Amino acid sequence: MQELLDILRCPETHQPFAIADAALIGDMNSKIKAGQLRNRGGKPVTDPIESGLLRQDRKFLYPIRNSIPVLLIDEAIPL
């Protein structure tokens, strides 16, 4: 996984990523379950997140679903 992290960059700012910790993912999934989370495109996030790529400035999380990072700017979740 580290090799992949070394290559991947934010599609918007080109900042590197780190893997989000379990506490952040748990918090995000609680908000998803409560219907309180929207992605950057303004759409409600309804599916739980298994993991995520945290942008270096910690402003956005790009979800990982089915072991695939979703690197679309509108799918990023504001923190």
C-alpha atoms as a PDB file:
ATOM      1  CA  MET A   1       0.000   0.000   0.000  1.00  0.00           C
ATOM      2  CA  GLN A   2       2.888   2.406   0.721  1.00  0.00           C
ATOM      3  CA  GLU A   3       4.048   2.104  -2.887  1.00  0.00           C
ATOM      4  CA  LEU A   4       0.609   3.228  -4.056  1.00  0.00           C
ATOM      5  CA  LEU A   5       0.593   6.127  -1.576  1.00  0.00           C
ATOM      6  CA  ASP A   6       3.955   7.236  -2.925  1.00  0.00           C
ATOM      7  CA  ILE A   7       2.461   7.673  -6.402  1.00  0.00           C
ATOM      8  CA  LEU A   8      -1.078   8.909  -5.707  1.00  0.00           C
ATOM      9  CA  ARG A   9      -1.729  12.628  -5.373  1.00  0.00           C
ATOM     10  CA  CYS A  10      -4.815  14.746  -4.845  1.00  0.00           C
ATOM     11  CA  PRO A  11      -6.349  15.417  -8.284  1.00  0.00           C
ATOM     12  CA  GLU A  12      -7.014  19.042  -7.301  1.00  0.00           C
ATOM     13  CA  THR A  13      -3.905  20.228  -5.426  1.00  0.00           C
ATOM     14  CA  HIS A  14      -1.423  17.396  -6.093  1.00  0.00           C
ATOM     15  CA  GLN A  15      -0.778  17.034  -2.355  1.00  0.00           C
ATOM     16  CA  PRO A  16       0.249  13.590  -1.103  1.00  0.00           C
ATOM     17  CA  PHE A  17      -2.151  11.355   0.800  1.00  0.00           C
ATOM     18  CA  ALA A  18      -2.048   9.427   4.039  1.00  0.00           C
ATOM     19  CA  ILE A  19      -4.377   6.596   5.012  1.00  0.00           C
ATOM     20  CA  ALA A  20      -7.109   7.852   7.355  1.00  0.00           C
ATOM     21  CA  ASP A  21      -6.994   6.323  10.818  1.00  0.00           C
ATOM     22  CA  ALA A  22      -9.762   4.085  12.178  1.00  0.00           C
ATOM     23  CA  ALA A  23     -11.076   6.816  14.503  1.00  0.00           C
ATOM     24  CA  LEU A  24     -11.683   9.215  11.599  1.00  0.00           C
ATOM     25  CA  ILE A  25     -13.346   6.503   9.500  1.00  0.00           C
ATOM     26  CA  GLY A  26     -15.547   5.564  12.457  1.00  0.00           C
ATOM     27  CA  ASP A  27     -16.558   9.204  12.933  1.00  0.00           C
ATOM     28  CA  MET A  28     -17.340   9.577   9.231  1.00  0.00           C
ATOM     29  CA  ASN A  29     -19.426   6.379   9.212  1.00  0.00           C
ATOM     30  CA  SER A  30     -21.399   7.601  12.247  1.00  0.00           C
ATOM     31  CA  LYS A  31     -22.195  10.818  10.380  1.00  0.00           C
ATOM     32  CA  ILE A  32     -23.145   8.836   7.265  1.00  0.00           C
ATOM     33  CA  LYS A  33     -25.516   6.673   9.308  1.00  0.00           C
ATOM     34  CA  ALA A  34     -27.106   9.819  10.797  1.00  0.00           C
ATOM     35  CA  GLY A  35     -27.513  11.361   7.324  1.00  0.00           C
ATOM     36  CA  GLN A  36     -25.194  14.259   8.200  1.00  0.00           C
ATOM     37  CA  LEU A  37     -22.444  13.880   5.615  1.00  0.00           C
ATOM     38  CA  ARG A  38     -22.262  15.381   2.132  1.00  0.00           C
ATOM     39  CA  ASN A  39     -19.498  15.144  -0.403  1.00  0.00           C
ATOM     40  CA  ARG A  40     -17.875  18.100  -2.068  1.00  0.00           C
ATOM     41  CA  GLY A  41     -20.401  17.938  -4.899  1.00  0.00           C
ATOM     42  CA  GLY A  42     -23.200  18.480  -2.346  1.00  0.00           C
ATOM     43  CA  LYS A  43     -24.649  14.973  -2.558  1.00  0.00           C
ATOM     44  CA  PRO A  44     -25.411  13.005   0.612  1.00  0.00           C
ATOM     45  CA  VAL A  45     -22.935  10.235   1.352  1.00  0.00           C
ATOM     46  CA  THR A  46     -25.056   7.139   1.992  1.00  0.00           C
ATOM     47  CA  ASP A  47     -22.650   4.206   1.760  1.00  0.00           C
ATOM     48  CA  PRO A  48     -20.243   3.465   4.623  1.00  0.00           C
ATOM     49  CA  ILE A  49     -16.565   4.123   3.998  1.00  0.00           C
ATOM     50  CA  GLU A  50     -14.181   1.189   4.415  1.00  0.00           C
ATOM     51  CA  SER A  51     -11.107   3.428   4.374  1.00  0.00           C
ATOM     52  CA  GLY A  52      -9.973   6.739   2.961  1.00  0.00           C
ATOM     53  CA  LEU A  53      -7.124   8.823   1.653  1.00  0.00           C
ATOM     54  CA  LEU A  54      -6.572  11.920   3.730  1.00  0.00           C
ATOM     55  CA  ARG A  55      -5.154  14.879   1.860  1.00  0.00           C
ATOM     56  CA  GLN A  56      -1.995  16.315   3.431  1.00  0.00           C
ATOM     57  CA  ASP A  57      -3.725  19.544   4.517  1.00  0.00           C
ATOM     58  CA  ARG A  58      -6.417  17.419   6.217  1.00  0.00           C
ATOM     59  CA  LYS A  59      -9.234  19.352   4.489  1.00  0.00           C
ATOM     60  CA  PHE A  60     -10.625  16.463   2.406  1.00  0.00           C
ATOM     61  CA  LEU A  61     -10.938  12.706   2.561  1.00  0.00           C
ATOM     62  CA  TYR A  62     -11.170  10.683  -0.632  1.00  0.00           C
ATOM     63  CA  PRO A  63     -13.102   7.481   0.106  1.00  0.00           C
ATOM     64  CA  ILE A  64     -11.852   3.997  -0.662  1.00  0.00           C
ATOM     65  CA  ARG A  65     -14.662   1.690  -1.740  1.00  0.00           C
ATOM     66  CA  ASN A  66     -14.240  -1.970  -2.682  1.00  0.00           C
ATOM     67  CA  SER A  67     -10.483  -1.454  -2.207  1.00  0.00           C
ATOM     68  CA  ILE A  68     -10.461   1.236  -4.935  1.00  0.00           C
ATOM     69  CA  PRO A  69      -9.652   4.894  -4.151  1.00  0.00           C
ATOM     70  CA  VAL A  70     -12.314   7.243  -5.522  1.00  0.00           C
ATOM     71  CA  LEU A  71     -10.205  10.179  -6.728  1.00  0.00           C
ATOM     72  CA  LEU A  72     -12.958  12.375  -8.151  1.00  0.00           C
ATOM     73  CA  ILE A  73     -12.930  15.908  -6.741  1.00  0.00           C
ATOM     74  CA  ASP A  74     -16.722  16.018  -6.258  1.00  0.00           C
ATOM     75  CA  GLU A  75     -16.610  12.710  -4.320  1.00  0.00           C
ATOM     76  CA  ALA A  76     -14.122  14.067  -1.745  1.00  0.00           C
ATOM     77  CA  ILE A  77     -15.601  14.558   1.699  1.00  0.00           C
ATOM     78  CA  PRO A  78     -14.887  17.890   3.396  1.00  0.00           C
ATOM     79  CA  LEU A  79     -13.491  17.589   6.911  1.00  0.00           C
END
